[in-house]
Amino acid sequence: MEERFLHDHPSKPRTKDEIQKTINRLKRIEGQVRGIQKMVEDDRYCVDILVQISAIQSALKNVGFSITERHINHCVSDAIKQGEGKETIEELMTVMKQFSK
């Protein structure tokens, strides 16, 4: 089931630099995931694999924090200024609860 959110796009479009930095981080994470696949194929030591999984989780969390920070600074801030703060904060809190699972 697809969730519906208040908006489809950020209130302030991301700059090309912001987009590229996020894509670069995600590509690095993608490479790390492939590295773990190779480790499993090569039957590497479990602890080595777990350390790499932990690194990926941390990297993904950092991407999420970066996007959250931008969302608060632009989308939430703009919504508050436009009188839509309550709904936008509730939406963010719902997502943050999922993020922290």
PDB file of N, CA and C in Angstrom:
ATOM      1  N   MET A   1       0.838  -1.177   0.000  1.00  0.00           N
ATOM      2  CA  MET A   1       0.000   0.000   0.000  1.00  0.00           C
ATOM      3  C   MET A   1       0.888   1.247   0.000  1.00  0.00           C
ATOM      4  N   GLU A   2       0.669   2.132  -0.949  1.00  0.00           N
ATOM      5  CA  GLU A   2       1.452   3.351  -1.069  1.00  0.00           C
ATOM      6  C   GLU A   2       0.948   4.401  -0.093  1.00  0.00           C
ATOM      7  N   GLU A   3       1.891   5.018   0.652  1.00  0.00           N
ATOM      8  CA  GLU A   3       1.513   6.071   1.579  1.00  0.00           C
ATOM      9  C   GLU A   3       1.428   7.392   0.839  1.00  0.00           C
ATOM     10  N   ARG A   4       0.519   8.234   1.248  1.00  0.00           N
ATOM     11  CA  ARG A   4       0.373   9.552   0.658  1.00  0.00           C
ATOM     12  C   ARG A   4       0.948  10.576   1.626  1.00  0.00           C
ATOM     13  N   PHE A   5       1.738  11.468   1.106  1.00  0.00           N
ATOM     14  CA  PHE A   5       2.325  12.520   1.908  1.00  0.00           C
ATOM     15  C   PHE A   5       1.764  13.859   1.458  1.00  0.00           C
ATOM     16  N   LEU A   6       2.084  14.895   2.193  1.00  0.00           N
ATOM     17  CA  LEU A   6       1.518  16.216   1.917  1.00  0.00           C
ATOM     18  C   LEU A   6       1.971  16.779   0.573  1.00  0.00           C
ATOM     19  N   HIS A   7       3.191  16.447   0.163  1.00  0.00           N
ATOM     20  CA  HIS A   7       3.755  17.018  -1.063  1.00  0.00           C
ATOM     21  C   HIS A   7       4.479  15.940  -1.863  1.00  0.00           C
ATOM     22  N   ASP A   8       4.651  16.196  -3.149  1.00  0.00           N
ATOM     23  CA  ASP A   8       5.394  15.273  -4.004  1.00  0.00           C
ATOM     24  C   ASP A   8       6.852  15.709  -4.195  1.00  0.00           C
ATOM     25  N   HIS A   9       7.127  16.990  -3.963  1.00  0.00           N
ATOM     26  CA  HIS A   9       8.457  17.558  -4.196  1.00  0.00           C
ATOM     27  C   HIS A   9       8.829  18.474  -3.036  1.00  0.00           C
ATOM     28  N   PRO A  10      10.136  18.712  -2.847  1.00  0.00           N
ATOM     29  CA  PRO A  10      10.545  19.631  -1.787  1.00  0.00           C
ATOM     30  C   PRO A  10      10.057  21.053  -2.090  1.00  0.00           C
ATOM     31  N   SER A  11       9.857  21.842  -1.033  1.00  0.00           N
ATOM     32  CA  SER A  11       9.384  23.213  -1.230  1.00  0.00           C
ATOM     33  C   SER A  11      10.437  24.056  -1.940  1.00  0.00           C
ATOM     34  N   LYS A  12      11.695  23.721  -1.756  1.00  0.00           N
ATOM     35  CA  LYS A  12      12.792  24.386  -2.461  1.00  0.00           C
ATOM     36  C   LYS A  12      13.563  23.299  -3.191  1.00  0.00           C
ATOM     37  N   PRO A  13      13.605  23.332  -4.513  1.00  0.00           N
ATOM     38  CA  PRO A  13      14.306  22.272  -5.250  1.00  0.00           C
ATOM     39  C   PRO A  13      15.756  22.116  -4.789  1.00  0.00           C
ATOM     40  N   ARG A  14      16.210  20.877  -4.783  1.00  0.00           N
ATOM     41  CA  ARG A  14      17.605  20.611  -4.427  1.00  0.00           C
ATOM     42  C   ARG A  14      18.512  21.177  -5.524  1.00  0.00           C
ATOM     43  N   THR A  15      19.680  21.650  -5.101  1.00  0.00           N
ATOM     44  CA  THR A  15      20.649  22.122  -6.088  1.00  0.00           C
ATOM     45  C   THR A  15      21.274  20.916  -6.783  1.00  0.00           C
ATOM     46  N   LYS A  16      21.864  21.143  -7.934  1.00  0.00           N
ATOM     47  CA  LYS A  16      22.553  20.053  -8.634  1.00  0.00           C
ATOM     48  C   LYS A  16      23.643  19.467  -7.750  1.00  0.00           C
ATOM     49  N   ASP A  17      24.317  20.319  -6.984  1.00  0.00           N
ATOM     50  CA  ASP A  17      25.377  19.854  -6.083  1.00  0.00           C
ATOM     51  C   ASP A  17      24.812  18.957  -4.979  1.00  0.00           C
ATOM     52  N   GLU A  18      23.677  19.352  -4.396  1.00  0.00           N
ATOM     53  CA  GLU A  18      23.043  18.532  -3.360  1.00  0.00           C
ATOM     54  C   GLU A  18      22.645  17.169  -3.923  1.00  0.00           C
ATOM     55  N   ILE A  19      22.054  17.187  -5.090  1.00  0.00           N
ATOM     56  CA  ILE A  19      21.637  15.931  -5.728  1.00  0.00           C
ATOM     57  C   ILE A  19      22.850  15.048  -5.985  1.00  0.00           C
ATOM     58  N   GLN A  20      23.917  15.639  -6.542  1.00  0.00           N
ATOM     59  CA  GLN A  20      25.103  14.850  -6.877  1.00  0.00           C
ATOM     60  C   GLN A  20      25.766  14.264  -5.635  1.00  0.00           C
ATOM     61  N   LYS A  21      25.850  15.045  -4.564  1.00  0.00           N
ATOM     62  CA  LYS A  21      26.454  14.546  -3.321  1.00  0.00           C
ATOM     63  C   LYS A  21      25.668  13.354  -2.775  1.00  0.00           C
ATOM     64  N   THR A  22      24.340  13.452  -2.807  1.00  0.00           N
ATOM     65  CA  THR A  22      23.509  12.357  -2.303  1.00  0.00           C
ATOM     66  C   THR A  22      23.646  11.128  -3.192  1.00  0.00           C
ATOM     67  N   ILE A  23      23.632  11.327  -4.498  1.00  0.00           N
ATOM     68  CA  ILE A  23      23.786  10.197  -5.426  1.00  0.00           C
ATOM     69  C   ILE A  23      25.152   9.543  -5.238  1.00  0.00           C
ATOM     70  N   ASN A  24      26.193  10.339  -5.059  1.00  0.00           N
ATOM     71  CA  ASN A  24      27.536   9.780  -4.841  1.00  0.00           C
ATOM     72  C   ASN A  24      27.579   8.933  -3.576  1.00  0.00           C
ATOM     73  N   ARG A  25      26.941   9.418  -2.508  1.00  0.00           N
ATOM     74  CA  ARG A  25      26.898   8.645  -1.264  1.00  0.00           C
ATOM     75  C   ARG A  25      26.168   7.324  -1.482  1.00  0.00           C
ATOM     76  N   LEU A  26      25.037   7.387  -2.191  1.00  0.00           N
ATOM     77  CA  LEU A  26      24.260   6.166  -2.440  1.00  0.00           C
ATOM     78  C   LEU A  26      25.021   5.183  -3.334  1.00  0.00           C
ATOM     79  N   LYS A  27      25.766   5.694  -4.293  1.00  0.00           N
ATOM     80  CA  LYS A  27      26.574   4.809  -5.145  1.00  0.00           C
ATOM     81  C   LYS A  27      27.669   4.129  -4.334  1.00  0.00           C
ATOM     82  N   ARG A  28      28.261   4.878  -3.373  1.00  0.00           N
ATOM     83  CA  ARG A  28      29.268   4.272  -2.496  1.00  0.00           C
ATOM     84  C   ARG A  28      28.642   3.147  -1.677  1.00  0.00           C
ATOM     85  N   ILE A  29      27.441   3.398  -1.163  1.00  0.00           N
ATOM     86  CA  ILE A  29      26.734   2.375  -0.387  1.00  0.00           C
ATOM     87  C   ILE A  29      26.424   1.172  -1.272  1.00  0.00           C
ATOM     88  N   GLU A  30      25.990   1.432  -2.489  1.00  0.00           N
ATOM     89  CA  GLU A  30      25.719   0.344  -3.436  1.00  0.00           C
ATOM     90  C   GLU A  30      26.972  -0.505  -3.644  1.00  0.00           C
ATOM     91  N   GLY A  31      28.111   0.148  -3.765  1.00  0.00           N
ATOM     92  CA  GLY A  31      29.377  -0.571  -3.911  1.00  0.00           C
ATOM     93  C   GLY A  31      29.698  -1.401  -2.679  1.00  0.00           C
ATOM     94  N   GLN A  32      29.393  -0.853  -1.510  1.00  0.00           N
ATOM     95  CA  GLN A  32      29.619  -1.600  -0.274  1.00  0.00           C
ATOM     96  C   GLN A  32      28.734  -2.846  -0.222  1.00  0.00           C
ATOM     97  N   VAL A  33      27.492  -2.706  -0.671  1.00  0.00           N
ATOM     98  CA  VAL A  33      26.579  -3.861  -0.683  1.00  0.00           C
ATOM     99  C   VAL A  33      27.124  -4.937  -1.618  1.00  0.00           C
ATOM    100  N   ARG A  34      27.606  -4.531  -2.773  1.00  0.00           N
ATOM    101  CA  ARG A  34      28.203  -5.502  -3.706  1.00  0.00           C
ATOM    102  C   ARG A  34      29.419  -6.174  -3.068  1.00  0.00           C
ATOM    103  N   GLY A  35      30.166  -5.386  -2.308  1.00  0.00           N
ATOM    104  CA  GLY A  35      31.329  -5.943  -1.615  1.00  0.00           C
ATOM    105  C   GLY A  35      30.918  -7.016  -0.621  1.00  0.00           C
ATOM    106  N   ILE A  36      29.837  -6.795   0.082  1.00  0.00           N
ATOM    107  CA  ILE A  36      29.333  -7.800   1.026  1.00  0.00           C
ATOM    108  C   ILE A  36      28.862  -9.038   0.271  1.00  0.00           C
ATOM    109  N   GLN A  37      28.196  -8.854  -0.854  1.00  0.00           N
ATOM    110  CA  GLN A  37      27.775 -10.011  -1.658  1.00  0.00           C
ATOM    111  C   GLN A  37      28.989 -10.854  -2.026  1.00  0.00           C
ATOM    112  N   LYS A  38      30.065 -10.185  -2.421  1.00  0.00           N
ATOM    113  CA  LYS A  38      31.301 -10.889  -2.785  1.00  0.00           C
ATOM    114  C   LYS A  38      31.880 -11.610  -1.570  1.00  0.00           C
ATOM    115  N   MET A  39      31.829 -10.953  -0.411  1.00  0.00           N
ATOM    116  CA  MET A  39      32.334 -11.585   0.810  1.00  0.00           C
ATOM    117  C   MET A  39      31.560 -12.865   1.111  1.00  0.00           C
ATOM    118  N   VAL A  40      30.244 -12.833   0.929  1.00  0.00           N
ATOM    119  CA  VAL A  40      29.418 -14.022   1.173  1.00  0.00           C
ATOM    120  C   VAL A  40      29.766 -15.102   0.159  1.00  0.00           C
ATOM    121  N   GLU A  41      29.877 -14.708  -1.115  1.00  0.00           N
ATOM    122  CA  GLU A  41      30.246 -15.674  -2.156  1.00  0.00           C
ATOM    123  C   GLU A  41      31.592 -16.325  -1.859  1.00  0.00           C
ATOM    124  N   ASP A  42      32.516 -15.540  -1.303  1.00  0.00           N
ATOM    125  CA  ASP A  42      33.854 -16.043  -0.984  1.00  0.00           C
ATOM    126  C   ASP A  42      33.906 -16.731   0.382  1.00  0.00           C
ATOM    127  N   ASP A  43      32.742 -16.848   1.021  1.00  0.00           N
ATOM    128  CA  ASP A  43      32.619 -17.506   2.324  1.00  0.00           C
ATOM    129  C   ASP A  43      33.553 -16.893   3.360  1.00  0.00           C
ATOM    130  N   ARG A  44      33.549 -15.551   3.421  1.00  0.00           N
ATOM    131  CA  ARG A  44      34.396 -14.832   4.370  1.00  0.00           C
ATOM    132  C   ARG A  44      33.878 -14.982   5.793  1.00  0.00           C
ATOM    133  N   TYR A  45      34.716 -14.649   6.724  1.00  0.00           N
ATOM    134  CA  TYR A  45      34.428 -14.759   8.153  1.00  0.00           C
ATOM    135  C   TYR A  45      33.211 -13.899   8.506  1.00  0.00           C
ATOM    136  N   CYS A  46      32.311 -14.477   9.290  1.00  0.00           N
ATOM    137  CA  CYS A  46      31.036 -13.823   9.641  1.00  0.00           C
ATOM    138  C   CYS A  46      31.238 -12.428  10.231  1.00  0.00           C
ATOM    139  N   VAL A  47      32.183 -12.302  11.152  1.00  0.00           N
ATOM    140  CA  VAL A  47      32.386 -11.018  11.818  1.00  0.00           C
ATOM    141  C   VAL A  47      32.812  -9.946  10.810  1.00  0.00           C
ATOM    142  N   ASP A  48      33.632 -10.306   9.845  1.00  0.00           N
ATOM    143  CA  ASP A  48      34.033  -9.343   8.806  1.00  0.00           C
ATOM    144  C   ASP A  48      32.808  -8.856   8.025  1.00  0.00           C
ATOM    145  N   ILE A  49      31.904  -9.768   7.715  1.00  0.00           N
ATOM    146  CA  ILE A  49      30.679  -9.411   6.993  1.00  0.00           C
ATOM    147  C   ILE A  49      29.803  -8.514   7.866  1.00  0.00           C
ATOM    148  N   LEU A  50      29.666  -8.859   9.127  1.00  0.00           N
ATOM    149  CA  LEU A  50      28.839  -8.059  10.040  1.00  0.00           C
ATOM    150  C   LEU A  50      29.380  -6.645  10.203  1.00  0.00           C
ATOM    151  N   VAL A  51      30.687  -6.501  10.251  1.00  0.00           N
ATOM    152  CA  VAL A  51      31.293  -5.167  10.347  1.00  0.00           C
ATOM    153  C   VAL A  51      30.930  -4.333   9.114  1.00  0.00           C
ATOM    154  N   GLN A  52      30.957  -4.957   7.948  1.00  0.00           N
ATOM    155  CA  GLN A  52      30.604  -4.245   6.717  1.00  0.00           C
ATOM    156  C   GLN A  52      29.111  -3.890   6.679  1.00  0.00           C
ATOM    157  N   ILE A  53      28.280  -4.787   7.175  1.00  0.00           N
ATOM    158  CA  ILE A  53      26.842  -4.497   7.249  1.00  0.00           C
ATOM    159  C   ILE A  53      26.610  -3.296   8.165  1.00  0.00           C
ATOM    160  N   SER A  54      27.295  -3.257   9.275  1.00  0.00           N
ATOM    161  CA  SER A  54      27.177  -2.143  10.207  1.00  0.00           C
ATOM    162  C   SER A  54      27.604  -0.831   9.542  1.00  0.00           C
ATOM    163  N   ALA A  55      28.658  -0.879   8.754  1.00  0.00           N
ATOM    164  CA  ALA A  55      29.133   0.323   8.050  1.00  0.00           C
ATOM    165  C   ALA A  55      28.087   0.824   7.062  1.00  0.00           C
ATOM    166  N   ILE A  56      27.430  -0.100   6.374  1.00  0.00           N
ATOM    167  CA  ILE A  56      26.382   0.275   5.414  1.00  0.00           C
ATOM    168  C   ILE A  56      25.194   0.878   6.143  1.00  0.00           C
ATOM    169  N   GLN A  57      24.794   0.280   7.244  1.00  0.00           N
ATOM    170  CA  GLN A  57      23.671   0.819   8.014  1.00  0.00           C
ATOM    171  C   GLN A  57      23.974   2.244   8.473  1.00  0.00           C
ATOM    172  N   SER A  58      25.190   2.462   8.930  1.00  0.00           N
ATOM    173  CA  SER A  58      25.601   3.790   9.370  1.00  0.00           C
ATOM    174  C   SER A  58      25.598   4.781   8.207  1.00  0.00           C
ATOM    175  N   ALA A  59      26.101   4.352   7.060  1.00  0.00           N
ATOM    176  CA  ALA A  59      26.137   5.228   5.886  1.00  0.00           C
ATOM    177  C   ALA A  59      24.723   5.597   5.436  1.00  0.00           C
ATOM    178  N   LEU A  60      23.818   4.625   5.421  1.00  0.00           N
ATOM    179  CA  LEU A  60      22.426   4.903   5.045  1.00  0.00           C
ATOM    180  C   LEU A  60      21.763   5.843   6.046  1.00  0.00           C
ATOM    181  N   LYS A  61      22.035   5.625   7.314  1.00  0.00           N
ATOM    182  CA  LYS A  61      21.471   6.493   8.346  1.00  0.00           C
ATOM    183  C   LYS A  61      21.957   7.932   8.148  1.00  0.00           C
ATOM    184  N   ASN A  62      23.233   8.091   7.791  1.00  0.00           N
ATOM    185  CA  ASN A  62      23.778   9.431   7.561  1.00  0.00           C
ATOM    186  C   ASN A  62      23.135  10.101   6.346  1.00  0.00           C
ATOM    187  N   VAL A  63      22.860   9.346   5.300  1.00  0.00           N
ATOM    188  CA  VAL A  63      22.135   9.902   4.147  1.00  0.00           C
ATOM    189  C   VAL A  63      20.752  10.348   4.604  1.00  0.00           C
ATOM    190  N   GLY A  64      20.103   9.523   5.396  1.00  0.00           N
ATOM    191  CA  GLY A  64      18.788   9.872   5.918  1.00  0.00           C
ATOM    192  C   GLY A  64      18.815  11.127   6.780  1.00  0.00           C
ATOM    193  N   PHE A  65      19.833  11.250   7.634  1.00  0.00           N
ATOM    194  CA  PHE A  65      19.953  12.445   8.472  1.00  0.00           C
ATOM    195  C   PHE A  65      20.161  13.690   7.610  1.00  0.00           C
ATOM    196  N   SER A  66      20.962  13.562   6.578  1.00  0.00           N
ATOM    197  CA  SER A  66      21.213  14.684   5.677  1.00  0.00           C
ATOM    198  C   SER A  66      19.920  15.140   4.994  1.00  0.00           C
ATOM    199  N   ILE A  67      19.141  14.189   4.516  1.00  0.00           N
ATOM    200  CA  ILE A  67      17.874  14.517   3.857  1.00  0.00           C
ATOM    201  C   ILE A  67      16.888  15.076   4.877  1.00  0.00           C
ATOM    202  N   THR A  68      16.880  14.529   6.074  1.00  0.00           N
ATOM    203  CA  THR A  68      16.002  15.036   7.137  1.00  0.00           C
ATOM    204  C   THR A  68      16.352  16.477   7.482  1.00  0.00           C
ATOM    205  N   GLU A  69      17.627  16.748   7.615  1.00  0.00           N
ATOM    206  CA  GLU A  69      18.065  18.110   7.940  1.00  0.00           C
ATOM    207  C   GLU A  69      17.604  19.102   6.872  1.00  0.00           C
ATOM    208  N   ARG A  70      17.768  18.730   5.618  1.00  0.00           N
ATOM    209  CA  ARG A  70      17.337  19.604   4.533  1.00  0.00           C
ATOM    210  C   ARG A  70      15.822  19.781   4.564  1.00  0.00           C
ATOM    211  N   HIS A  71      15.104  18.704   4.833  1.00  0.00           N
ATOM    212  CA  HIS A  71      13.645  18.760   4.902  1.00  0.00           C
ATOM    213  C   HIS A  71      13.197  19.740   5.995  1.00  0.00           C
ATOM    214  N   ILE A  72      13.814  19.662   7.143  1.00  0.00           N
ATOM    215  CA  ILE A  72      13.463  20.563   8.246  1.00  0.00           C
ATOM    216  C   ILE A  72      13.785  22.005   7.884  1.00  0.00           C
ATOM    217  N   ASN A  73      14.983  22.222   7.332  1.00  0.00           N
ATOM    218  CA  ASN A  73      15.414  23.588   7.009  1.00  0.00           C
ATOM    219  C   ASN A  73      14.601  24.239   5.901  1.00  0.00           C
ATOM    220  N   HIS A  74      14.029  23.455   5.019  1.00  0.00           N
ATOM    221  CA  HIS A  74      13.291  24.030   3.898  1.00  0.00           C
ATOM    222  C   HIS A  74      11.798  23.713   3.965  1.00  0.00           C
ATOM    223  N   CYS A  75      11.449  22.460   3.812  1.00  0.00           N
ATOM    224  CA  CYS A  75      10.034  22.063   3.701  1.00  0.00           C
ATOM    225  C   CYS A  75       9.254  22.369   4.977  1.00  0.00           C
ATOM    226  N   VAL A  76       9.781  21.942   6.130  1.00  0.00           N
ATOM    227  CA  VAL A  76       9.075  22.161   7.388  1.00  0.00           C
ATOM    228  C   VAL A  76       9.046  23.646   7.721  1.00  0.00           C
ATOM    229  N   SER A  77      10.173  24.300   7.574  1.00  0.00           N
ATOM    230  CA  SER A  77      10.251  25.735   7.848  1.00  0.00           C
ATOM    231  C   SER A  77       9.270  26.521   6.979  1.00  0.00           C
ATOM    232  N   ASP A  78       9.225  26.213   5.687  1.00  0.00           N
ATOM    233  CA  ASP A  78       8.299  26.903   4.780  1.00  0.00           C
ATOM    234  C   ASP A  78       6.846  26.614   5.151  1.00  0.00           C
ATOM    235  N   ALA A  79       6.569  25.362   5.523  1.00  0.00           N
ATOM    236  CA  ALA A  79       5.197  24.997   5.901  1.00  0.00           C
ATOM    237  C   ALA A  79       4.757  25.767   7.149  1.00  0.00           C
ATOM    238  N   ILE A  80       5.648  25.916   8.109  1.00  0.00           N
ATOM    239  CA  ILE A  80       5.317  26.672   9.322  1.00  0.00           C
ATOM    240  C   ILE A  80       4.990  28.115   8.950  1.00  0.00           C
ATOM    241  N   LYS A  81       5.812  28.704   8.087  1.00  0.00           N
ATOM    242  CA  LYS A  81       5.578  30.086   7.651  1.00  0.00           C
ATOM    243  C   LYS A  81       4.241  30.239   6.928  1.00  0.00           C
ATOM    244  N   GLN A  82       3.784  29.163   6.266  1.00  0.00           N
ATOM    245  CA  GLN A  82       2.532  29.207   5.510  1.00  0.00           C
ATOM    246  C   GLN A  82       1.334  28.721   6.334  1.00  0.00           C
ATOM    247  N   GLY A  83       1.554  28.454   7.606  1.00  0.00           N
ATOM    248  CA  GLY A  83       0.460  28.026   8.461  1.00  0.00           C
ATOM    249  C   GLY A  83       0.132  26.547   8.363  1.00  0.00           C
ATOM    250  N   GLU A  84       1.003  25.757   7.751  1.00  0.00           N
ATOM    251  CA  GLU A  84       0.793  24.312   7.611  1.00  0.00           C
ATOM    252  C   GLU A  84       1.765  23.513   8.474  1.00  0.00           C
ATOM    253  N   GLY A  85       2.279  24.147   9.509  1.00  0.00           N
ATOM    254  CA  GLY A  85       3.312  23.527  10.328  1.00  0.00           C
ATOM    255  C   GLY A  85       2.872  22.266  11.036  1.00  0.00           C
ATOM    256  N   LYS A  86       1.682  22.294  11.617  1.00  0.00           N
ATOM    257  CA  LYS A  86       1.212  21.140  12.394  1.00  0.00           C
ATOM    258  C   LYS A  86       1.185  19.874  11.543  1.00  0.00           C
ATOM    259  N   GLU A  87       0.584  19.964  10.367  1.00  0.00           N
ATOM    260  CA  GLU A  87       0.474  18.797   9.483  1.00  0.00           C
ATOM    261  C   GLU A  87       1.851  18.317   9.027  1.00  0.00           C
ATOM    262  N   THR A  88       2.718  19.258   8.706  1.00  0.00           N
ATOM    263  CA  THR A  88       4.048  18.899   8.213  1.00  0.00           C
ATOM    264  C   THR A  88       4.895  18.263   9.308  1.00  0.00           C
ATOM    265  N   ILE A  89       4.771  18.772  10.523  1.00  0.00           N
ATOM    266  CA  ILE A  89       5.513  18.189  11.648  1.00  0.00           C
ATOM    267  C   ILE A  89       4.980  16.790  11.952  1.00  0.00           C
ATOM    268  N   GLU A  90       3.665  16.618  11.911  1.00  0.00           N
ATOM    269  CA  GLU A  90       3.091  15.284  12.127  1.00  0.00           C
ATOM    270  C   GLU A  90       3.593  14.303  11.074  1.00  0.00           C
ATOM    271  N   GLU A  91       3.642  14.748   9.827  1.00  0.00           N
ATOM    272  CA  GLU A  91       4.142  13.896   8.740  1.00  0.00           C
ATOM    273  C   GLU A  91       5.598  13.502   9.005  1.00  0.00           C
ATOM    274  N   LEU A  92       6.411  14.475   9.386  1.00  0.00           N
ATOM    275  CA  LEU A  92       7.821  14.209   9.666  1.00  0.00           C
ATOM    276  C   LEU A  92       7.967  13.237  10.837  1.00  0.00           C
ATOM    277  N   MET A  93       7.192  13.420  11.879  1.00  0.00           N
ATOM    278  CA  MET A  93       7.280  12.534  13.036  1.00  0.00           C
ATOM    279  C   MET A  93       6.898  11.101  12.674  1.00  0.00           C
ATOM    280  N   THR A  94       5.904  10.939  11.810  1.00  0.00           N
ATOM    281  CA  THR A  94       5.512   9.599  11.361  1.00  0.00           C
ATOM    282  C   THR A  94       6.679   8.927  10.649  1.00  0.00           C
ATOM    283  N   VAL A  95       7.330   9.668   9.776  1.00  0.00           N
ATOM    284  CA  VAL A  95       8.464   9.114   9.030  1.00  0.00           C
ATOM    285  C   VAL A  95       9.643   8.853   9.969  1.00  0.00           C
ATOM    286  N   MET A  96       9.892   9.755  10.911  1.00  0.00           N
ATOM    287  CA  MET A  96      11.012   9.578  11.842  1.00  0.00           C
ATOM    288  C   MET A  96      10.805   8.330  12.700  1.00  0.00           C
ATOM    289  N   LYS A  97       9.573   8.030  13.056  1.00  0.00           N
ATOM    290  CA  LYS A  97       9.306   6.804  13.822  1.00  0.00           C
ATOM    291  C   LYS A  97       9.667   5.581  13.004  1.00  0.00           C
ATOM    292  N   GLN A  98       9.373   5.609  11.701  1.00  0.00           N
ATOM    293  CA  GLN A  98       9.758   4.489  10.825  1.00  0.00           C
ATOM    294  C   GLN A  98      11.282   4.430  10.694  1.00  0.00           C
ATOM    295  N   PHE A  99      11.898   5.580  10.605  1.00  0.00           N
ATOM    296  CA  PHE A  99      13.337   5.700  10.417  1.00  0.00           C
ATOM    297  C   PHE A  99      14.099   5.127  11.610  1.00  0.00           C
ATOM    298  N   SER A 100      13.509   5.249  12.788  1.00  0.00           N
ATOM    299  CA  SER A 100      14.224   4.830  13.996  1.00  0.00           C
ATOM    300  C   SER A 100      14.014   3.362  14.351  1.00  0.00           C
ATOM    301  N   LYS A 101      13.236   2.638  13.556  1.00  0.00           N
ATOM    302  CA  LYS A 101      12.998   1.209  13.843  1.00  0.00           C
ATOM    303  C   LYS A 101      14.239   0.404  13.578  1.00  0.00           C
TER     304      LYS A 101
END
